[in-house]
Amino acid sequence: MLIAVQREVYEAGLQMIKPGVSFGALQDFVNGFRAIGGVQTLLQLHGCGYGGDGPLFSAKTHGTRARELTIQKNNALVWKPMALSSDGKSQFTFGGPLIVTDNGCESLFNREHGMVSLV
């Protein structure tokens, strides 16, 4: 169920990531995504620099200073929202880098959504 919910918020969030949308609106959308079976969702998003570049939204860093900033064309971001079980013991995160275009965003990776098994 975590994977299904995460996929749903991942795809819906991709539709929101476009020029002019505030990072706060994206955060509110992801963090307020409808819970299915008690699953919670959380925004994880950051810049693609060498570190220390913003915006930074994660479980530990809530991006308060970046909420009013708007997404701009040519922003390069790492988008990977998280789905968490109601007891917090299980989580699933999937995503990768993307670039913001005139009308939305383009994923810069082509890995299939789901779990990877290392044998």
Protein backbone atom coordinates (compact mmCIF):
# COMPACT_ATOMS: atom_id res chain seq x y z
CA MET A 1 0.00 0.00 0.00
CA LEU A 2 2.87 2.42 0.74
CA ILE A 3 4.18 2.09 -2.79
CA ALA A 4 0.74 2.74 -4.31
CA VAL A 5 0.14 5.85 -2.19
CA GLN A 6 3.63 7.17 -2.85
CA ARG A 7 3.17 6.68 -6.58
CA GLU A 8 -0.12 8.56 -6.48
CA VAL A 9 1.34 11.57 -4.60
CA TYR A 10 4.49 11.44 -6.78
CA GLU A 11 2.48 11.66 -10.02
CA ALA A 12 0.06 14.28 -8.69
CA GLY A 13 2.95 16.39 -7.40
CA LEU A 14 4.68 16.25 -10.78
CA GLN A 15 1.60 17.97 -12.22
CA MET A 16 1.99 20.80 -9.67
CA ILE A 17 5.69 21.43 -10.27
CA LYS A 18 5.67 24.31 -12.74
CA PRO A 19 6.72 27.94 -12.87
CA GLY A 20 4.83 30.23 -10.51
CA VAL A 21 3.74 27.60 -7.97
CA SER A 22 5.10 28.31 -4.50
CA PHE A 23 7.12 25.70 -2.67
CA GLY A 24 4.70 26.20 0.23
CA ALA A 25 1.72 25.25 -1.96
CA LEU A 26 3.56 22.11 -3.10
CA GLN A 27 4.43 21.26 0.51
CA ASP A 28 0.84 21.77 1.68
CA PHE A 29 -0.43 19.58 -1.16
CA VAL A 30 1.98 16.71 -0.49
CA ASN A 31 1.77 16.84 3.30
CA GLY A 32 -2.03 17.11 3.14
CA PHE A 33 -2.49 14.41 0.51
CA ARG A 34 -5.42 12.21 1.35
CA ALA A 35 -4.43 9.36 3.60
CA ILE A 36 -5.27 5.88 2.36
CA GLY A 37 -5.34 3.27 5.09
CA GLY A 38 -3.56 5.58 7.51
CA VAL A 39 -0.64 6.30 5.18
CA GLN A 40 0.90 9.76 5.60
CA THR A 41 2.83 11.57 2.87
CA LEU A 42 5.71 13.99 3.30
CA LEU A 43 7.45 16.36 0.89
CA GLN A 44 11.09 15.62 0.18
CA LEU A 45 12.61 18.00 -2.31
CA HIS A 46 15.97 19.72 -2.65
CA GLY A 47 18.21 21.50 -5.10
CA CYS A 48 20.74 19.68 -7.28
CA GLY A 49 23.90 21.46 -6.20
CA TYR A 50 26.91 20.38 -4.20
CA GLY A 51 25.06 20.62 -0.89
CA GLY A 52 23.75 23.44 1.22
CA ASP A 53 21.68 24.74 -1.69
CA GLY A 54 17.99 25.20 -1.32
CA PRO A 55 15.25 24.77 -1.18
CA LEU A 56 15.37 21.86 1.25
CA PHE A 57 12.23 20.07 2.39
CA SER A 58 12.54 16.82 4.35
CA ALA A 59 11.32 15.12 7.50
CA LYS A 60 13.89 17.07 9.53
CA THR A 61 14.01 20.33 7.54
CA HIS A 62 10.58 21.78 6.84
CA GLY A 63 11.69 24.47 4.40
CA THR A 64 10.03 27.27 6.34
CA ARG A 65 12.26 29.94 4.80
CA ALA A 66 11.50 28.76 1.24
CA ARG A 67 7.70 28.44 1.47
CA GLU A 68 7.00 31.78 -0.21
CA LEU A 69 9.51 31.26 -3.03
CA THR A 70 8.06 30.20 -6.34
CA ILE A 71 9.25 27.49 -8.66
CA GLN A 72 11.03 28.96 -11.67
CA LYS A 73 11.73 27.74 -15.18
CA ASN A 74 15.08 25.90 -15.36
CA ASN A 75 15.08 25.04 -11.64
CA ALA A 76 16.81 21.68 -11.22
CA LEU A 77 15.32 19.80 -8.27
CA VAL A 78 15.34 16.36 -6.73
CA TRP A 79 11.71 15.32 -6.19
CA LYS A 80 11.09 12.29 -3.96
CA PRO A 81 8.00 12.45 -1.76
CA MET A 82 7.76 9.88 1.04
CA ALA A 83 4.89 7.65 2.16
CA LEU A 84 4.92 6.54 5.81
CA SER A 85 2.89 3.92 7.61
CA SER A 86 0.63 5.14 10.41
CA ASP A 87 2.98 3.67 13.04
CA GLY A 88 6.02 5.27 11.37
CA LYS A 89 7.88 1.95 11.12
CA SER A 90 7.70 1.62 7.34
CA GLN A 91 8.33 4.13 4.60
CA PHE A 92 8.75 4.26 0.85
CA THR A 93 10.50 6.98 -1.10
CA PHE A 94 10.98 7.16 -4.85
CA GLY A 95 12.06 9.92 -7.18
CA GLY A 96 14.98 11.65 -8.75
CA PRO A 97 16.13 14.80 -10.50
CA LEU A 98 13.91 16.89 -12.71
CA ILE A 99 14.07 20.20 -14.50
CA VAL A 100 11.30 22.77 -14.60
CA THR A 101 10.15 23.73 -18.10
CA ASP A 102 7.80 26.41 -19.42
CA ASN A 103 4.66 24.39 -18.65
CA GLY A 104 5.71 21.85 -16.04
CA CYS A 105 8.68 19.64 -15.39
CA GLU A 106 10.67 16.93 -17.09
CA SER A 107 12.11 13.95 -15.26
CA LEU A 108 15.84 13.48 -15.82
CA PHE A 109 15.79 9.78 -14.98
CA ASN A 110 13.91 6.81 -16.35
CA ARG A 111 13.96 4.26 -13.54
CA GLU A 112 10.68 2.40 -13.15
CA HIS A 113 8.60 3.24 -10.06
CA GLY A 114 8.78 0.54 -7.39
CA MET A 115 11.20 -1.37 -5.23
CA VAL A 116 14.64 -2.49 -6.35
CA SER A 117 15.79 -5.91 -5.26
CA LEU A 118 19.49 -6.47 -4.77
CA VAL A 119 20.33 -10.14 -4.86
